[in-house]
Amino acid sequence: MAALLAATVVVPVTQGALAADSPVGNLLSSDQLPTTVGVLTAQPLNGQVPASLQPVSTVAERDLVAASRGLDRAEILPGCDGHTPTKSSPNGQMPASDLCTLWDGHTQVRADYAVALAQLNQAYVQRYGVDMCFTDGYRSLARQYEVARTKGYLAAVPGTSNHGLGLAVDICSTTYAGTRYQWLRDNGPTYGIDNPEWARTTKKEPWHWEFTDAVKAASTSAGTGVD
Protein backbone atom coordinates (compact mmCIF):
# COMPACT_ATOMS: atom_id res chain seq x y z
CA MET A 1 0.00 0.00 0.00
CA ALA A 2 2.86 2.36 0.81
CA ALA A 3 4.32 1.81 -2.65
CA LEU A 4 0.94 2.44 -4.26
CA LEU A 5 0.42 5.61 -2.23
CA ALA A 6 3.83 6.90 -3.25
CA ALA A 7 3.08 6.21 -6.89
CA THR A 8 -0.40 7.77 -6.97
CA VAL A 9 0.04 10.73 -4.63
CA VAL A 10 3.69 11.64 -4.23
CA VAL A 11 4.60 11.32 -7.91
CA PRO A 12 1.77 13.58 -9.28
CA VAL A 13 2.50 16.22 -6.63
CA THR A 14 6.17 16.13 -7.54
CA GLN A 15 5.33 16.49 -11.19
CA GLY A 16 3.21 19.57 -10.44
CA ALA A 17 5.80 21.13 -8.17
CA LEU A 18 8.49 20.92 -10.80
CA ALA A 19 7.21 23.46 -13.29
CA ALA A 20 8.35 23.37 -16.85
CA ASP A 21 10.22 26.66 -16.46
CA SER A 22 12.03 25.35 -13.35
CA PRO A 23 15.65 24.30 -13.86
CA VAL A 24 14.90 21.05 -12.10
CA GLY A 25 11.71 20.61 -14.07
CA ASN A 26 13.65 20.89 -17.26
CA LEU A 27 15.96 18.15 -16.11
CA LEU A 28 13.13 15.78 -15.03
CA SER A 29 10.68 15.38 -17.82
CA SER A 30 7.55 13.26 -17.34
CA ASP A 31 9.06 10.27 -19.11
CA GLN A 32 11.92 10.20 -16.58
CA LEU A 33 9.72 10.07 -13.51
CA PRO A 34 8.77 6.61 -12.08
CA THR A 35 5.44 5.18 -13.04
CA THR A 36 3.04 3.32 -10.77
CA VAL A 37 4.00 0.00 -12.35
CA GLY A 38 7.66 0.82 -11.98
CA VAL A 39 7.30 1.53 -8.27
CA LEU A 40 5.38 -1.68 -7.61
CA THR A 41 7.73 -3.90 -9.56
CA ALA A 42 10.99 -2.32 -8.48
CA GLN A 43 13.48 -4.82 -6.97
CA PRO A 44 14.74 -4.16 -3.39
CA LEU A 45 18.30 -3.01 -3.09
CA ASN A 46 19.44 -6.40 -1.81
CA GLY A 47 18.14 -8.10 -4.96
CA GLN A 48 15.74 -10.36 -3.00
CA VAL A 49 12.03 -10.48 -3.68
CA PRO A 50 10.00 -9.63 -0.54
CA ALA A 51 8.27 -12.63 1.02
CA SER A 52 4.88 -10.98 0.42
CA LEU A 53 5.57 -10.91 -3.33
CA GLN A 54 6.98 -14.44 -3.61
CA PRO A 55 4.88 -16.90 -5.62
CA VAL A 56 2.50 -18.84 -3.37
CA SER A 57 3.95 -22.16 -4.57
CA THR A 58 7.45 -21.15 -3.45
CA VAL A 59 6.30 -20.26 0.04
CA ALA A 60 4.21 -23.46 0.27
CA GLU A 61 7.10 -25.67 -0.87
CA ARG A 62 9.41 -24.07 1.68
CA ASP A 63 6.91 -24.65 4.47
CA LEU A 64 6.38 -28.25 3.31
CA VAL A 65 10.12 -28.99 3.46
CA ALA A 66 10.31 -27.51 6.95
CA ALA A 67 7.36 -29.62 8.07
CA SER A 68 8.92 -32.76 6.56
CA ARG A 69 12.15 -32.19 8.45
CA GLY A 70 10.13 -31.84 11.62
CA LEU A 71 8.41 -35.17 10.97
CA ASP A 72 11.78 -36.85 10.35
CA ARG A 73 12.87 -35.83 13.83
CA ALA A 74 9.68 -36.95 15.50
CA GLU A 75 9.81 -40.41 17.07
CA ILE A 76 6.76 -42.49 16.28
CA LEU A 77 7.88 -44.98 18.93
CA PRO A 78 9.63 -43.13 21.79
CA GLY A 79 13.11 -44.46 22.46
CA CYS A 80 13.34 -46.35 19.15
CA ASP A 81 15.33 -44.91 16.23
CA GLY A 82 14.06 -47.53 13.77
CA HIS A 83 17.51 -48.45 12.46
CA THR A 84 18.21 -51.56 10.42
CA PRO A 85 21.12 -53.57 11.86
CA THR A 86 24.34 -53.21 9.89
CA LYS A 87 25.26 -56.84 10.48
CA SER A 88 23.27 -59.99 11.09
CA SER A 89 23.23 -61.84 14.37
CA PRO A 90 22.75 -65.56 15.01
CA ASN A 91 19.10 -66.55 15.28
CA GLY A 92 17.90 -66.03 18.83
CA GLN A 93 21.02 -64.11 19.84
CA MET A 94 20.24 -60.53 18.81
CA PRO A 95 21.87 -57.75 20.84
CA ALA A 96 19.55 -55.51 22.85
CA SER A 97 20.77 -52.52 20.84
CA ASP A 98 19.04 -53.89 17.71
CA LEU A 99 15.70 -54.43 19.45
CA CYS A 100 12.93 -52.03 20.46
CA THR A 101 10.11 -52.53 22.95
CA LEU A 102 6.59 -51.92 21.65
CA TRP A 103 3.92 -49.81 23.34
CA ASP A 104 2.72 -52.71 25.50
CA GLY A 105 5.96 -52.44 27.47
CA HIS A 106 7.21 -56.00 26.96
CA THR A 107 7.03 -57.22 23.34
CA GLN A 108 10.33 -56.67 21.52
CA VAL A 109 11.16 -56.83 17.80
CA ARG A 110 13.91 -55.54 15.54
CA ALA A 111 14.06 -51.75 15.57
CA ASP A 112 12.94 -51.14 11.98
CA TYR A 113 10.08 -53.60 12.38
CA ALA A 114 9.06 -51.88 15.61
CA VAL A 115 8.63 -48.55 13.85
CA ALA A 116 6.65 -50.16 11.02
CA LEU A 117 4.36 -51.81 13.56
CA ALA A 118 3.92 -48.49 15.36
CA GLN A 119 2.85 -46.87 12.08
CA LEU A 120 0.38 -49.67 11.39
CA ASN A 121 -0.89 -49.37 14.96
CA GLN A 122 -1.63 -45.68 14.46
CA ALA A 123 -3.94 -46.57 11.59
CA TYR A 124 -5.41 -49.45 13.61
CA VAL A 125 -6.20 -47.18 16.56
CA GLN A 126 -7.80 -44.64 14.24
CA ARG A 127 -10.04 -47.39 12.87
CA TYR A 128 -10.84 -49.40 16.01
CA GLY A 129 -10.03 -47.12 18.92
CA VAL A 130 -7.63 -49.52 20.67
CA ASP A 131 -4.00 -50.56 20.30
CA MET A 132 -2.95 -53.77 18.63
CA CYS A 133 -2.24 -56.50 21.17
CA PHE A 134 0.63 -59.04 21.07
CA THR A 135 1.30 -62.38 22.69
CA ASP A 136 4.86 -62.82 21.39
CA GLY A 137 7.67 -61.07 19.54
CA TYR A 138 11.41 -61.65 19.53
CA ARG A 139 12.47 -64.95 21.04
CA SER A 140 15.87 -65.84 22.35
CA LEU A 141 17.23 -69.26 21.44
CA ALA A 142 16.38 -70.53 24.92
CA ARG A 143 12.84 -69.22 24.56
CA GLN A 144 12.44 -70.95 21.20
CA TYR A 145 13.44 -74.28 22.76
CA GLU A 146 10.73 -73.72 25.36
CA VAL A 147 8.13 -72.92 22.66
CA ALA A 148 9.15 -76.00 20.70
CA ARG A 149 8.49 -78.16 23.75
CA THR A 150 5.02 -76.69 24.32
CA LYS A 151 3.74 -76.05 20.79
CA GLY A 152 5.06 -79.14 19.10
CA TYR A 153 4.70 -79.09 15.30
CA LEU A 154 3.50 -75.47 15.31
CA ALA A 155 6.91 -74.30 16.49
CA ALA A 156 9.98 -73.91 14.33
CA VAL A 157 13.15 -75.84 15.00
CA PRO A 158 15.18 -73.69 17.41
CA GLY A 159 17.54 -71.49 15.43
CA THR A 160 15.25 -71.20 12.38
CA SER A 161 12.28 -69.14 13.57
CA ASN A 162 11.73 -65.62 12.28
CA HIS A 163 10.88 -64.72 15.86
CA GLY A 164 14.57 -65.36 16.58
CA LEU A 165 15.45 -62.59 14.11
CA GLY A 166 13.03 -60.12 15.65
CA LEU A 167 11.00 -60.12 12.42
CA ALA A 168 7.78 -61.79 13.55
CA VAL A 169 5.04 -61.17 16.08
CA ASP A 170 2.05 -63.14 17.26
CA ILE A 171 -0.99 -60.94 17.80
CA CYS A 172 -3.85 -61.47 20.24
CA SER A 173 -7.06 -62.99 18.91
CA THR A 174 -8.93 -59.77 19.74
CA THR A 175 -6.66 -57.88 17.31
CA TYR A 176 -7.53 -60.07 14.33
CA ALA A 177 -11.09 -61.11 15.28
CA GLY A 178 -13.86 -60.84 12.70
CA THR A 179 -13.37 -58.17 10.05
CA ARG A 180 -10.17 -56.96 11.75
CA TYR A 181 -8.17 -59.75 10.16
CA GLN A 182 -9.14 -58.59 6.67
CA TRP A 183 -8.39 -54.99 7.66
CA LEU A 184 -4.88 -56.08 8.66
CA ARG A 185 -4.45 -58.00 5.40
CA ASP A 186 -5.53 -54.94 3.44
CA ASN A 187 -3.46 -52.40 5.34
CA GLY A 188 -0.47 -54.28 6.76
CA PRO A 189 1.42 -54.57 3.45
CA THR A 190 1.45 -50.76 3.21
CA TYR A 191 3.94 -50.90 6.10
CA GLY A 192 5.69 -54.07 4.92
CA ILE A 193 3.78 -56.33 7.31
CA ASP A 194 1.75 -59.39 6.40
CA ASN A 195 0.41 -62.72 7.52
CA PRO A 196 2.62 -64.93 5.28
CA GLU A 197 1.15 -67.36 2.78
CA TRP A 198 2.14 -70.45 4.74
CA ALA A 199 0.30 -69.05 7.77
CA ARG A 200 -2.82 -68.69 5.63
CA THR A 201 -2.65 -72.07 3.91
CA THR A 202 -0.30 -74.67 5.34
CA LYS A 203 -0.63 -74.19 9.08
CA LYS A 204 -3.39 -71.59 9.49
CA GLU A 205 -1.79 -69.15 11.91
CA PRO A 206 -3.76 -65.90 11.61
CA TRP A 207 -1.87 -64.58 14.62
CA HIS A 208 1.57 -64.70 12.97
CA TRP A 209 2.66 -61.47 11.19
CA GLU A 210 6.06 -60.81 9.68
CA PHE A 211 8.17 -57.94 8.35
CA THR A 212 8.09 -59.48 4.90
CA ASP A 213 10.89 -57.76 2.95
CA ALA A 214 13.30 -58.09 5.85
CA VAL A 215 12.44 -61.78 6.16
CA LYS A 216 13.26 -62.30 2.48
CA ALA A 217 16.49 -60.32 2.80
CA ALA A 218 17.54 -62.43 5.77
CA SER A 219 17.10 -65.60 3.68
CA THR A 220 15.35 -67.43 6.49
CA SER A 221 12.99 -70.35 6.32
CA ALA A 222 10.02 -68.09 5.60
CA GLY A 223 7.30 -69.87 3.67
CA THR A 224 7.97 -73.28 5.19
CA GLY A 225 5.25 -73.00 7.80
CA VAL A 226 7.28 -72.30 10.92
CA ASP A 227 6.63 -70.11 13.96
C-alpha atoms as a PDB file:
ATOM      1  CA  MET A   1       0.000   0.000   0.000  1.00  0.00           C
ATOM      2  CA  ALA A   2       2.864   2.364   0.805  1.00  0.00           C
ATOM      3  CA  ALA A   3       4.321   1.815  -2.648  1.00  0.00           C
ATOM      4  CA  LEU A   4       0.943   2.438  -4.264  1.00  0.00           C
ATOM      5  CA  LEU A   5       0.422   5.613  -2.235  1.00  0.00           C
ATOM      6  CA  ALA A   6       3.830   6.897  -3.253  1.00  0.00           C
ATOM      7  CA  ALA A   7       3.077   6.208  -6.887  1.00  0.00           C
ATOM      8  CA  THR A   8      -0.403   7.770  -6.970  1.00  0.00           C
ATOM      9  CA  VAL A   9       0.042  10.729  -4.627  1.00  0.00           C
ATOM     10  CA  VAL A  10       3.685  11.644  -4.230  1.00  0.00           C
ATOM     11  CA  VAL A  11       4.600  11.320  -7.910  1.00  0.00           C
ATOM     12  CA  PRO A  12       1.772  13.576  -9.282  1.00  0.00           C
ATOM     13  CA  VAL A  13       2.500  16.217  -6.630  1.00  0.00           C
ATOM     14  CA  THR A  14       6.167  16.125  -7.539  1.00  0.00           C
ATOM     15  CA  GLN A  15       5.325  16.488 -11.190  1.00  0.00           C
ATOM     16  CA  GLY A  16       3.206  19.572 -10.438  1.00  0.00           C
ATOM     17  CA  ALA A  17       5.802  21.128  -8.170  1.00  0.00           C
ATOM     18  CA  LEU A  18       8.490  20.925 -10.798  1.00  0.00           C
ATOM     19  CA  ALA A  19       7.213  23.458 -13.292  1.00  0.00           C
ATOM     20  CA  ALA A  20       8.351  23.371 -16.849  1.00  0.00           C
ATOM     21  CA  ASP A  21      10.219  26.663 -16.461  1.00  0.00           C
ATOM     22  CA  SER A  22      12.026  25.354 -13.346  1.00  0.00           C
ATOM     23  CA  PRO A  23      15.646  24.298 -13.862  1.00  0.00           C
ATOM     24  CA  VAL A  24      14.895  21.047 -12.100  1.00  0.00           C
ATOM     25  CA  GLY A  25      11.706  20.615 -14.074  1.00  0.00           C
ATOM     26  CA  ASN A  26      13.652  20.895 -17.264  1.00  0.00           C
ATOM     27  CA  LEU A  27      15.958  18.147 -16.114  1.00  0.00           C
ATOM     28  CA  LEU A  28      13.133  15.777 -15.026  1.00  0.00           C
ATOM     29  CA  SER A  29      10.677  15.376 -17.825  1.00  0.00           C
ATOM     30  CA  SER A  30       7.549  13.259 -17.344  1.00  0.00           C
ATOM     31  CA  ASP A  31       9.057  10.274 -19.111  1.00  0.00           C
ATOM     32  CA  GLN A  32      11.919  10.205 -16.583  1.00  0.00           C
ATOM     33  CA  LEU A  33       9.725  10.074 -13.507  1.00  0.00           C
ATOM     34  CA  PRO A  34       8.774   6.610 -12.079  1.00  0.00           C
ATOM     35  CA  THR A  35       5.438   5.177 -13.045  1.00  0.00           C
ATOM     36  CA  THR A  36       3.037   3.318 -10.771  1.00  0.00           C
ATOM     37  CA  VAL A  37       3.999  -0.002 -12.351  1.00  0.00           C
ATOM     38  CA  GLY A  38       7.661   0.815 -11.975  1.00  0.00           C
ATOM     39  CA  VAL A  39       7.304   1.527  -8.268  1.00  0.00           C
ATOM     40  CA  LEU A  40       5.378  -1.684  -7.610  1.00  0.00           C
ATOM     41  CA  THR A  41       7.730  -3.898  -9.557  1.00  0.00           C
ATOM     42  CA  ALA A  42      10.990  -2.320  -8.483  1.00  0.00           C
ATOM     43  CA  GLN A  43      13.477  -4.816  -6.973  1.00  0.00           C
ATOM     44  CA  PRO A  44      14.735  -4.162  -3.393  1.00  0.00           C
ATOM     45  CA  LEU A  45      18.304  -3.009  -3.088  1.00  0.00           C
ATOM     46  CA  ASN A  46      19.445  -6.397  -1.809  1.00  0.00           C
ATOM     47  CA  GLY A  47      18.143  -8.104  -4.956  1.00  0.00           C
ATOM     48  CA  GLN A  48      15.738 -10.357  -3.002  1.00  0.00           C
ATOM     49  CA  VAL A  49      12.026 -10.481  -3.681  1.00  0.00           C
ATOM     50  CA  PRO A  50      10.002  -9.629  -0.542  1.00  0.00           C
ATOM     51  CA  ALA A  51       8.266 -12.631   1.021  1.00  0.00           C
ATOM     52  CA  SER A  52       4.883 -10.975   0.424  1.00  0.00           C
ATOM     53  CA  LEU A  53       5.570 -10.907  -3.331  1.00  0.00           C
ATOM     54  CA  GLN A  54       6.980 -14.442  -3.608  1.00  0.00           C
ATOM     55  CA  PRO A  55       4.878 -16.901  -5.619  1.00  0.00           C
ATOM     56  CA  VAL A  56       2.504 -18.843  -3.369  1.00  0.00           C
ATOM     57  CA  SER A  57       3.948 -22.164  -4.573  1.00  0.00           C
ATOM     58  CA  THR A  58       7.451 -21.146  -3.455  1.00  0.00           C
ATOM     59  CA  VAL A  59       6.296 -20.264   0.040  1.00  0.00           C
ATOM     60  CA  ALA A  60       4.209 -23.460   0.267  1.00  0.00           C
ATOM     61  CA  GLU A  61       7.104 -25.670  -0.869  1.00  0.00           C
ATOM     62  CA  ARG A  62       9.411 -24.068   1.678  1.00  0.00           C
ATOM     63  CA  ASP A  63       6.910 -24.649   4.475  1.00  0.00           C
ATOM     64  CA  LEU A  64       6.383 -28.254   3.311  1.00  0.00           C
ATOM     65  CA  VAL A  65      10.117 -28.985   3.458  1.00  0.00           C
ATOM     66  CA  ALA A  66      10.308 -27.509   6.952  1.00  0.00           C
ATOM     67  CA  ALA A  67       7.363 -29.622   8.072  1.00  0.00           C
ATOM     68  CA  SER A  68       8.924 -32.763   6.561  1.00  0.00           C
ATOM     69  CA  ARG A  69      12.147 -32.185   8.447  1.00  0.00           C
ATOM     70  CA  GLY A  70      10.132 -31.844  11.624  1.00  0.00           C
ATOM     71  CA  LEU A  71       8.408 -35.175  10.966  1.00  0.00           C
ATOM     72  CA  ASP A  72      11.776 -36.852  10.346  1.00  0.00           C
ATOM     73  CA  ARG A  73      12.873 -35.826  13.832  1.00  0.00           C
ATOM     74  CA  ALA A  74       9.685 -36.953  15.496  1.00  0.00           C
ATOM     75  CA  GLU A  75       9.814 -40.413  17.067  1.00  0.00           C
ATOM     76  CA  ILE A  76       6.765 -42.485  16.281  1.00  0.00           C
ATOM     77  CA  LEU A  77       7.880 -44.982  18.934  1.00  0.00           C
ATOM     78  CA  PRO A  78       9.628 -43.131  21.793  1.00  0.00           C
ATOM     79  CA  GLY A  79      13.114 -44.461  22.460  1.00  0.00           C
ATOM     80  CA  CYS A  80      13.340 -46.347  19.150  1.00  0.00           C
ATOM     81  CA  ASP A  81      15.330 -44.914  16.234  1.00  0.00           C
ATOM     82  CA  GLY A  82      14.056 -47.534  13.774  1.00  0.00           C
ATOM     83  CA  HIS A  83      17.506 -48.448  12.463  1.00  0.00           C
ATOM     84  CA  THR A  84      18.214 -51.556  10.415  1.00  0.00           C
ATOM     85  CA  PRO A  85      21.118 -53.574  11.865  1.00  0.00           C
ATOM     86  CA  THR A  86      24.339 -53.209   9.890  1.00  0.00           C
ATOM     87  CA  LYS A  87      25.256 -56.836  10.482  1.00  0.00           C
ATOM     88  CA  SER A  88      23.271 -59.989  11.085  1.00  0.00           C
ATOM     89  CA  SER A  89      23.226 -61.839  14.371  1.00  0.00           C
ATOM     90  CA  PRO A  90      22.745 -65.561  15.012  1.00  0.00           C
ATOM     91  CA  ASN A  91      19.096 -66.545  15.276  1.00  0.00           C
ATOM     92  CA  GLY A  92      17.904 -66.030  18.834  1.00  0.00           C
ATOM     93  CA  GLN A  93      21.021 -64.106  19.839  1.00  0.00           C
ATOM     94  CA  MET A  94      20.237 -60.529  18.807  1.00  0.00           C
ATOM     95  CA  PRO A  95      21.867 -57.748  20.843  1.00  0.00           C
ATOM     96  CA  ALA A  96      19.551 -55.514  22.848  1.00  0.00           C
ATOM     97  CA  SER A  97      20.770 -52.516  20.837  1.00  0.00           C
ATOM     98  CA  ASP A  98      19.044 -53.893  17.712  1.00  0.00           C
ATOM     99  CA  LEU A  99      15.698 -54.426  19.448  1.00  0.00           C
ATOM    100  CA  CYS A 100      12.929 -52.031  20.458  1.00  0.00           C
ATOM    101  CA  THR A 101      10.113 -52.527  22.947  1.00  0.00           C
ATOM    102  CA  LEU A 102       6.592 -51.916  21.654  1.00  0.00           C
ATOM    103  CA  TRP A 103       3.918 -49.809  23.339  1.00  0.00           C
ATOM    104  CA  ASP A 104       2.719 -52.713  25.497  1.00  0.00           C
ATOM    105  CA  GLY A 105       5.963 -52.439  27.467  1.00  0.00           C
ATOM    106  CA  HIS A 106       7.208 -56.001  26.962  1.00  0.00           C
ATOM    107  CA  THR A 107       7.029 -57.220  23.335  1.00  0.00           C
ATOM    108  CA  GLN A 108      10.331 -56.671  21.524  1.00  0.00           C
ATOM    109  CA  VAL A 109      11.156 -56.827  17.801  1.00  0.00           C
ATOM    110  CA  ARG A 110      13.910 -55.541  15.538  1.00  0.00           C
ATOM    111  CA  ALA A 111      14.061 -51.746  15.571  1.00  0.00           C
ATOM    112  CA  ASP A 112      12.942 -51.135  11.979  1.00  0.00           C
ATOM    113  CA  TYR A 113      10.079 -53.599  12.377  1.00  0.00           C
ATOM    114  CA  ALA A 114       9.056 -51.883  15.611  1.00  0.00           C
ATOM    115  CA  VAL A 115       8.629 -48.547  13.851  1.00  0.00           C
ATOM    116  CA  ALA A 116       6.652 -50.164  11.016  1.00  0.00           C
ATOM    117  CA  LEU A 117       4.355 -51.811  13.558  1.00  0.00           C
ATOM    118  CA  ALA A 118       3.916 -48.494  15.359  1.00  0.00           C
ATOM    119  CA  GLN A 119       2.854 -46.866  12.083  1.00  0.00           C
ATOM    120  CA  LEU A 120       0.382 -49.666  11.393  1.00  0.00           C
ATOM    121  CA  ASN A 121      -0.891 -49.370  14.960  1.00  0.00           C
ATOM    122  CA  GLN A 122      -1.630 -45.678  14.463  1.00  0.00           C
ATOM    123  CA  ALA A 123      -3.940 -46.568  11.586  1.00  0.00           C
ATOM    124  CA  TYR A 124      -5.413 -49.449  13.612  1.00  0.00           C
ATOM    125  CA  VAL A 125      -6.198 -47.175  16.564  1.00  0.00           C
ATOM    126  CA  GLN A 126      -7.799 -44.636  14.244  1.00  0.00           C
ATOM    127  CA  ARG A 127     -10.042 -47.388  12.871  1.00  0.00           C
ATOM    128  CA  TYR A 128     -10.837 -49.401  16.013  1.00  0.00           C
ATOM    129  CA  GLY A 129     -10.032 -47.116  18.922  1.00  0.00           C
ATOM    130  CA  VAL A 130      -7.633 -49.519  20.674  1.00  0.00           C
ATOM    131  CA  ASP A 131      -3.995 -50.559  20.304  1.00  0.00           C
ATOM    132  CA  MET A 132      -2.951 -53.772  18.632  1.00  0.00           C
ATOM    133  CA  CYS A 133      -2.240 -56.503  21.168  1.00  0.00           C
ATOM    134  CA  PHE A 134       0.631 -59.036  21.065  1.00  0.00           C
ATOM    135  CA  THR A 135       1.298 -62.383  22.688  1.00  0.00           C
ATOM    136  CA  ASP A 136       4.863 -62.817  21.391  1.00  0.00           C
ATOM    137  CA  GLY A 137       7.670 -61.065  19.544  1.00  0.00           C
ATOM    138  CA  TYR A 138      11.414 -61.649  19.529  1.00  0.00           C
ATOM    139  CA  ARG A 139      12.471 -64.954  21.044  1.00  0.00           C
ATOM    140  CA  SER A 140      15.871 -65.844  22.348  1.00  0.00           C
ATOM    141  CA  LEU A 141      17.228 -69.261  21.443  1.00  0.00           C
ATOM    142  CA  ALA A 142      16.376 -70.531  24.921  1.00  0.00           C
ATOM    143  CA  ARG A 143      12.838 -69.220  24.559  1.00  0.00           C
ATOM    144  CA  GLN A 144      12.443 -70.955  21.199  1.00  0.00           C
ATOM    145  CA  TYR A 145      13.441 -74.276  22.760  1.00  0.00           C
ATOM    146  CA  GLU A 146      10.727 -73.724  25.356  1.00  0.00           C
ATOM    147  CA  VAL A 147       8.131 -72.916  22.665  1.00  0.00           C
ATOM    148  CA  ALA A 148       9.152 -76.004  20.703  1.00  0.00           C
ATOM    149  CA  ARG A 149       8.489 -78.160  23.750  1.00  0.00           C
ATOM    150  CA  THR A 150       5.021 -76.691  24.321  1.00  0.00           C
ATOM    151  CA  LYS A 151       3.737 -76.053  20.787  1.00  0.00           C
ATOM    152  CA  GLY A 152       5.056 -79.141  19.098  1.00  0.00           C
ATOM    153  CA  TYR A 153       4.697 -79.090  15.297  1.00  0.00           C
ATOM    154  CA  LEU A 154       3.501 -75.468  15.310  1.00  0.00           C
ATOM    155  CA  ALA A 155       6.914 -74.295  16.491  1.00  0.00           C
ATOM    156  CA  ALA A 156       9.976 -73.908  14.328  1.00  0.00           C
ATOM    157  CA  VAL A 157      13.152 -75.840  14.999  1.00  0.00           C
ATOM    158  CA  PRO A 158      15.175 -73.691  17.406  1.00  0.00           C
ATOM    159  CA  GLY A 159      17.543 -71.486  15.431  1.00  0.00           C
ATOM    160  CA  THR A 160      15.254 -71.199  12.378  1.00  0.00           C
ATOM    161  CA  SER A 161      12.276 -69.140  13.565  1.00  0.00           C
ATOM    162  CA  ASN A 162      11.730 -65.622  12.285  1.00  0.00           C
ATOM    163  CA  HIS A 163      10.878 -64.724  15.862  1.00  0.00           C
ATOM    164  CA  GLY A 164      14.566 -65.361  16.579  1.00  0.00           C
ATOM    165  CA  LEU A 165      15.447 -62.594  14.109  1.00  0.00           C
ATOM    166  CA  GLY A 166      13.026 -60.122  15.649  1.00  0.00           C
ATOM    167  CA  LEU A 167      10.999 -60.115  12.420  1.00  0.00           C
ATOM    168  CA  ALA A 168       7.782 -61.789  13.548  1.00  0.00           C
ATOM    169  CA  VAL A 169       5.041 -61.167  16.082  1.00  0.00           C
ATOM    170  CA  ASP A 170       2.053 -63.143  17.257  1.00  0.00           C
ATOM    171  CA  ILE A 171      -0.993 -60.944  17.803  1.00  0.00           C
ATOM    172  CA  CYS A 172      -3.854 -61.472  20.241  1.00  0.00           C
ATOM    173  CA  SER A 173      -7.063 -62.989  18.906  1.00  0.00           C
ATOM    174  CA  THR A 174      -8.927 -59.770  19.741  1.00  0.00           C
ATOM    175  CA  THR A 175      -6.663 -57.876  17.311  1.00  0.00           C
ATOM    176  CA  TYR A 176      -7.532 -60.071  14.326  1.00  0.00           C
ATOM    177  CA  ALA A 177     -11.089 -61.106  15.277  1.00  0.00           C
ATOM    178  CA  GLY A 178     -13.859 -60.840  12.699  1.00  0.00           C
ATOM    179  CA  THR A 179     -13.368 -58.170  10.050  1.00  0.00           C
ATOM    180  CA  ARG A 180     -10.169 -56.955  11.750  1.00  0.00           C
ATOM    181  CA  TYR A 181      -8.173 -59.747  10.161  1.00  0.00           C
ATOM    182  CA  GLN A 182      -9.140 -58.587   6.673  1.00  0.00           C
ATOM    183  CA  TRP A 183      -8.388 -54.988   7.657  1.00  0.00           C
ATOM    184  CA  LEU A 184      -4.877 -56.083   8.662  1.00  0.00           C
ATOM    185  CA  ARG A 185      -4.446 -58.001   5.400  1.00  0.00           C
ATOM    186  CA  ASP A 186      -5.534 -54.937   3.440  1.00  0.00           C
ATOM    187  CA  ASN A 187      -3.457 -52.396   5.343  1.00  0.00           C
ATOM    188  CA  GLY A 188      -0.469 -54.278   6.763  1.00  0.00           C
ATOM    189  CA  PRO A 189       1.423 -54.566   3.445  1.00  0.00           C
ATOM    190  CA  THR A 190       1.455 -50.763   3.210  1.00  0.00           C
ATOM    191  CA  TYR A 191       3.936 -50.901   6.102  1.00  0.00           C
ATOM    192  CA  GLY A 192       5.694 -54.068   4.917  1.00  0.00           C
ATOM    193  CA  ILE A 193       3.784 -56.329   7.311  1.00  0.00           C
ATOM    194  CA  ASP A 194       1.746 -59.394   6.403  1.00  0.00           C
ATOM    195  CA  ASN A 195       0.414 -62.723   7.519  1.00  0.00           C
ATOM    196  CA  PRO A 196       2.623 -64.932   5.276  1.00  0.00           C
ATOM    197  CA  GLU A 197       1.146 -67.355   2.783  1.00  0.00           C
ATOM    198  CA  TRP A 198       2.138 -70.448   4.741  1.00  0.00           C
ATOM    199  CA  ALA A 199       0.300 -69.048   7.775  1.00  0.00           C
ATOM    200  CA  ARG A 200      -2.818 -68.695   5.633  1.00  0.00           C
ATOM    201  CA  THR A 201      -2.651 -72.069   3.914  1.00  0.00           C
ATOM    202  CA  THR A 202      -0.298 -74.675   5.341  1.00  0.00           C
ATOM    203  CA  LYS A 203      -0.631 -74.190   9.077  1.00  0.00           C
ATOM    204  CA  LYS A 204      -3.385 -71.595   9.495  1.00  0.00           C
ATOM    205  CA  GLU A 205      -1.785 -69.153  11.906  1.00  0.00           C
ATOM    206  CA  PRO A 206      -3.762 -65.904  11.611  1.00  0.00           C
ATOM    207  CA  TRP A 207      -1.867 -64.584  14.623  1.00  0.00           C
ATOM    208  CA  HIS A 208       1.571 -64.703  12.966  1.00  0.00           C
ATOM    209  CA  TRP A 209       2.655 -61.473  11.195  1.00  0.00           C
ATOM    210  CA  GLU A 210       6.061 -60.811   9.682  1.00  0.00           C
ATOM    211  CA  PHE A 211       8.169 -57.937   8.351  1.00  0.00           C
ATOM    212  CA  THR A 212       8.085 -59.479   4.905  1.00  0.00           C
ATOM    213  CA  ASP A 213      10.886 -57.756   2.954  1.00  0.00           C
ATOM    214  CA  ALA A 214      13.298 -58.092   5.854  1.00  0.00           C
ATOM    215  CA  VAL A 215      12.440 -61.775   6.160  1.00  0.00           C
ATOM    216  CA  LYS A 216      13.260 -62.296   2.480  1.00  0.00           C
ATOM    217  CA  ALA A 217      16.492 -60.325   2.799  1.00  0.00           C
ATOM    218  CA  ALA A 218      17.535 -62.431   5.767  1.00  0.00           C
ATOM    219  CA  SER A 219      17.098 -65.604   3.676  1.00  0.00           C
ATOM    220  CA  THR A 220      15.345 -67.425   6.489  1.00  0.00           C
ATOM    221  CA  SER A 221      12.991 -70.352   6.324  1.00  0.00           C
ATOM    222  CA  ALA A 222      10.019 -68.086   5.602  1.00  0.00           C
ATOM    223  CA  GLY A 223       7.297 -69.869   3.671  1.00  0.00           C
ATOM    224  CA  THR A 224       7.972 -73.281   5.186  1.00  0.00           C
ATOM    225  CA  GLY A 225       5.250 -73.000   7.800  1.00  0.00           C
ATOM    226  CA  VAL A 226       7.276 -72.304  10.922  1.00  0.00           C
ATOM    227  CA  ASP A 227       6.635 -70.108  13.962  1.00  0.00           C
END
